[in-house]
Amino acid sequence: MDIQKVFKNNEKWIGEKLALDSNYFKNLSKGQNPEILYIGCSDSRVTAEELMGVQPGEVFVHRNIANMVISIDMNVMSVLNYAVNHLKVNHVVVCGHYFCGGVKAAMKAEDLGILNPWLRNIRDVYRLHKKELNAIPDENDRYNRLVELNVQEQCVNLLKTADVQKAYKERNLQVHGWVFDIHSGKLIDLNINLEEVLKGIMEIYDLG
């Protein structure tokens, strides 16, 4: 790819936006008021705004390998804090995708160097659901089921945080688990009953 093409594309994009609305960038610079925090995978095939059909300013986005919510990752925790407490988003979405390279790497019994600590969190999800996953005979089906279970566990990790618990009590903040199917382009809501999950973990993770 010719990197200079990026700047040509940018000029074209500016022209298209201004042709529709001469004040587009003037209005965009006034600030943001997103309703959604989207936590997704860094995979280059999964672009948050495009797959949701939203415009700049409508979604606050954080992406990392395999859409993880790890309590000691200051990056995701800072994004969560800012989105929930300052932007006042009403929805937090964890969106995984089928055939995720991070999840696939975590399923392999091999030393992946600096990736090991990160992937161990996905391997922990596998350990929690080992009985269900090992009962799935097809490797791809097992792989994609782990993608779904990983999304679910990251939603649980969100519910363990003080920021989410506080916003849930104050304004009924909603947490959602989605998966993007790369083969069809379909966005799938896993319909995780997070209210029940919350009841089940609050004895241990209630932060007041």
Protein backbone atom coordinates (compact mmCIF):
# COMPACT_ATOMS: atom_id res chain seq x y z
CA MET A 1 0.00 0.00 0.00
CA ASP A 2 1.28 3.45 -0.94
CA ILE A 3 1.15 5.39 2.34
CA GLN A 4 0.63 8.64 0.42
CA LYS A 5 -2.70 7.25 -0.74
CA VAL A 6 -3.92 7.70 2.83
CA PHE A 7 -3.55 11.47 2.53
CA LYS A 8 -5.27 11.50 -0.85
CA ASN A 9 -8.13 9.50 0.66
CA ASN A 10 -8.29 12.02 3.49
CA GLU A 11 -8.62 14.92 1.06
CA LYS A 12 -11.38 13.09 -0.79
CA TRP A 13 -13.19 12.36 2.49
CA ILE A 14 -13.00 16.01 3.55
CA GLY A 15 -14.46 17.07 0.22
CA GLU A 16 -17.32 14.58 0.49
CA LYS A 17 -18.20 15.71 4.03
CA LEU A 18 -18.11 19.41 3.15
CA ALA A 19 -20.21 18.83 0.04
CA LEU A 20 -22.96 17.43 2.27
CA ASP A 21 -22.53 19.92 5.12
CA SER A 22 -20.25 22.96 4.94
CA ASN A 23 -20.21 23.13 8.76
CA TYR A 24 -19.43 19.45 9.28
CA PHE A 25 -15.97 19.89 10.82
CA LYS A 26 -16.94 23.07 12.64
CA ASN A 27 -19.71 21.13 14.38
CA LEU A 28 -17.51 18.07 14.92
CA SER A 29 -14.94 20.19 16.76
CA LYS A 30 -17.49 21.34 19.34
CA GLY A 31 -17.20 18.09 21.29
CA GLN A 32 -18.56 14.59 21.56
CA ASN A 33 -21.61 13.10 23.21
CA PRO A 34 -21.50 9.35 22.49
CA GLU A 35 -24.10 6.98 23.90
CA ILE A 36 -21.92 3.89 23.53
CA LEU A 37 -18.49 2.75 24.67
CA TYR A 38 -17.36 0.03 22.26
CA ILE A 39 -14.58 -2.34 23.36
CA GLY A 40 -13.51 -4.40 20.38
CA CYS A 41 -10.64 -6.30 18.83
CA SER A 42 -7.71 -4.61 17.07
CA ASP A 43 -8.14 -6.93 14.07
CA SER A 44 -7.86 -4.84 10.89
CA ARG A 45 -10.96 -6.51 9.42
CA VAL A 46 -13.25 -5.33 12.22
CA THR A 47 -13.85 -1.58 12.10
CA ALA A 48 -16.21 -0.47 14.83
CA GLU A 49 -17.95 2.51 13.22
CA GLU A 50 -18.36 0.83 9.84
CA LEU A 51 -19.93 -2.40 11.08
CA MET A 52 -22.36 -0.43 13.29
CA GLY A 53 -23.14 2.16 10.64
CA VAL A 54 -22.44 5.10 12.96
CA GLN A 55 -20.80 8.46 12.42
CA PRO A 56 -17.83 10.16 14.15
CA GLY A 57 -18.88 11.40 17.57
CA GLU A 58 -21.51 8.70 18.15
CA VAL A 59 -19.33 5.94 19.68
CA PHE A 60 -16.32 6.05 21.99
CA VAL A 61 -13.98 3.24 20.88
CA HIS A 62 -11.29 1.15 22.54
CA ARG A 63 -9.64 -1.76 20.76
CA ASN A 64 -7.06 -4.32 21.84
CA ILE A 65 -6.11 -7.91 21.02
CA ALA A 66 -9.21 -10.10 21.53
CA ASN A 67 -11.36 -7.32 23.09
CA MET A 68 -10.11 -7.88 26.62
CA VAL A 69 -11.18 -6.08 29.82
CA ILE A 70 -8.33 -6.71 32.25
CA SER A 71 -8.43 -4.99 35.61
CA ILE A 72 -4.71 -4.16 35.69
CA ASP A 73 -4.63 -2.84 32.12
CA MET A 74 -4.61 0.91 32.77
CA ASN A 75 -5.42 1.63 29.14
CA VAL A 76 -8.82 -0.05 29.09
CA MET A 77 -9.56 0.99 32.68
CA SER A 78 -8.82 4.64 31.86
CA VAL A 79 -11.03 4.49 28.77
CA LEU A 80 -13.82 2.92 30.82
CA ASN A 81 -13.53 5.54 33.55
CA TYR A 82 -13.59 8.43 31.11
CA ALA A 83 -16.46 7.03 29.04
CA VAL A 84 -18.67 6.13 32.00
CA ASN A 85 -17.94 8.99 34.41
CA HIS A 86 -17.22 11.92 32.10
CA LEU A 87 -18.91 11.18 28.77
CA LYS A 88 -21.80 9.50 30.63
CA VAL A 89 -22.33 6.75 28.07
CA ASN A 90 -25.43 4.64 28.68
CA HIS A 91 -24.18 1.47 26.99
CA VAL A 92 -20.89 -0.44 27.16
CA VAL A 93 -20.40 -3.04 24.44
CA VAL A 94 -17.81 -5.80 24.29
CA CYS A 95 -17.67 -6.99 20.68
CA GLY A 96 -15.64 -10.02 19.67
CA HIS A 97 -15.49 -11.62 16.25
CA TYR A 98 -15.43 -15.16 14.93
CA PHE A 99 -12.04 -16.49 13.82
CA CYS A 100 -10.24 -14.06 16.15
CA GLY A 101 -6.47 -14.48 15.89
CA GLY A 102 -5.94 -13.69 19.56
CA VAL A 103 -8.36 -16.37 20.68
CA LYS A 104 -6.86 -18.87 18.25
CA ALA A 105 -3.35 -18.13 19.54
CA ALA A 106 -4.53 -18.68 23.12
CA MET A 107 -5.77 -22.15 22.17
CA LYS A 108 -2.31 -23.25 21.05
CA ALA A 109 0.13 -24.90 23.44
CA GLU A 110 3.15 -22.81 22.53
CA ASP A 111 5.34 -20.06 23.92
CA LEU A 112 4.40 -16.78 22.23
CA GLY A 113 6.83 -14.57 24.11
CA ILE A 114 5.55 -11.15 25.16
CA LEU A 115 2.01 -12.19 24.22
CA ASN A 116 1.94 -14.89 26.91
CA PRO A 117 0.65 -12.71 29.81
CA TRP A 118 -2.08 -11.22 27.63
CA LEU A 119 -3.19 -14.52 26.14
CA ARG A 120 -3.21 -16.18 29.54
CA ASN A 121 -6.38 -14.22 30.29
CA ILE A 122 -8.07 -15.94 27.35
CA ARG A 123 -6.65 -19.28 28.44
CA ASP A 124 -8.23 -18.65 31.84
CA VAL A 125 -11.58 -18.30 30.06
CA TYR A 126 -10.93 -21.66 28.40
CA ARG A 127 -10.16 -23.19 31.80
CA LEU A 128 -13.42 -21.85 33.26
CA HIS A 129 -15.42 -23.41 30.42
CA LYS A 130 -13.19 -26.40 29.63
CA LYS A 131 -15.91 -29.01 30.02
CA GLU A 132 -18.25 -27.32 27.52
CA LEU A 133 -15.49 -26.51 25.03
CA ASN A 134 -13.84 -29.92 25.07
CA ALA A 135 -17.22 -31.51 24.33
CA ILE A 136 -17.37 -29.68 20.97
CA PRO A 137 -15.86 -32.05 18.35
CA ASP A 138 -15.30 -29.58 15.51
CA GLU A 139 -12.22 -27.41 16.04
CA ASN A 140 -13.67 -24.31 14.35
CA ASP A 141 -16.91 -24.60 16.31
CA ARG A 142 -14.89 -24.92 19.53
CA TYR A 143 -12.77 -21.94 18.52
CA ASN A 144 -15.77 -19.72 17.81
CA ARG A 145 -17.56 -20.83 20.97
CA LEU A 146 -14.51 -19.66 22.92
CA VAL A 147 -14.85 -16.31 21.12
CA GLU A 148 -18.41 -16.06 22.50
CA LEU A 149 -17.43 -17.18 26.00
CA ASN A 150 -14.54 -14.72 26.01
CA VAL A 151 -16.95 -11.87 25.22
CA GLN A 152 -19.19 -13.05 28.06
CA GLU A 153 -16.29 -13.12 30.54
CA GLN A 154 -15.15 -9.64 29.53
CA CYS A 155 -18.68 -8.40 30.18
CA VAL A 156 -18.45 -10.01 33.63
CA ASN A 157 -15.14 -8.22 34.14
CA LEU A 158 -16.89 -4.93 33.37
CA LEU A 159 -19.53 -5.69 35.99
CA LYS A 160 -16.78 -6.20 38.57
CA THR A 161 -15.59 -2.59 38.23
CA ALA A 162 -16.62 0.27 40.51
CA ASP A 163 -17.31 2.57 37.55
CA VAL A 164 -19.85 0.23 36.00
CA GLN A 165 -21.47 -0.71 39.31
CA LYS A 166 -21.92 2.96 40.24
CA ALA A 167 -23.36 3.91 36.84
CA TYR A 168 -25.66 0.87 36.90
CA LYS A 169 -27.15 2.06 40.18
CA GLU A 170 -27.34 5.72 39.18
CA ARG A 171 -28.64 5.53 35.62
CA ASN A 172 -29.07 1.84 34.75
CA LEU A 173 -25.98 1.64 32.53
CA GLN A 174 -26.31 -1.37 30.23
CA VAL A 175 -23.53 -3.82 29.33
CA HIS A 176 -23.83 -5.81 26.08
CA GLY A 177 -21.93 -8.75 24.59
CA TRP A 178 -21.80 -8.93 20.79
CA VAL A 179 -19.97 -10.96 18.17
CA PHE A 180 -19.24 -9.92 14.59
CA ASP A 181 -19.47 -12.76 12.08
CA ILE A 182 -16.79 -12.03 9.49
CA HIS A 183 -18.21 -14.63 7.09
CA SER A 184 -21.62 -12.96 6.82
CA GLY A 185 -20.99 -9.42 8.08
CA LYS A 186 -23.72 -9.93 10.67
CA LEU A 187 -23.55 -8.37 14.11
CA ILE A 188 -24.88 -10.82 16.70
CA ASP A 189 -26.19 -9.96 20.16
CA LEU A 190 -25.31 -12.83 22.49
CA ASN A 191 -28.21 -11.78 24.74
CA ILE A 192 -26.22 -12.47 27.89
CA ASN A 193 -28.42 -12.14 30.98
CA LEU A 194 -26.05 -9.80 32.74
CA GLU A 195 -28.58 -8.87 35.40
CA GLU A 196 -28.49 -12.48 36.57
CA VAL A 197 -24.71 -12.50 36.29
CA LEU A 198 -24.56 -9.38 38.44
CA LYS A 199 -26.69 -10.98 41.13
CA GLY A 200 -24.43 -14.01 41.15
CA ILE A 201 -21.17 -12.11 41.61
CA MET A 202 -22.14 -9.19 43.82
CA GLU A 203 -21.53 -11.10 47.04
CA ILE A 204 -17.85 -11.15 46.13
CA TYR A 205 -17.39 -8.14 43.83
CA ASP A 206 -19.75 -5.54 45.30
CA LEU A 207 -17.69 -2.38 45.72
CA GLY A 208 -20.44 -0.36 47.38
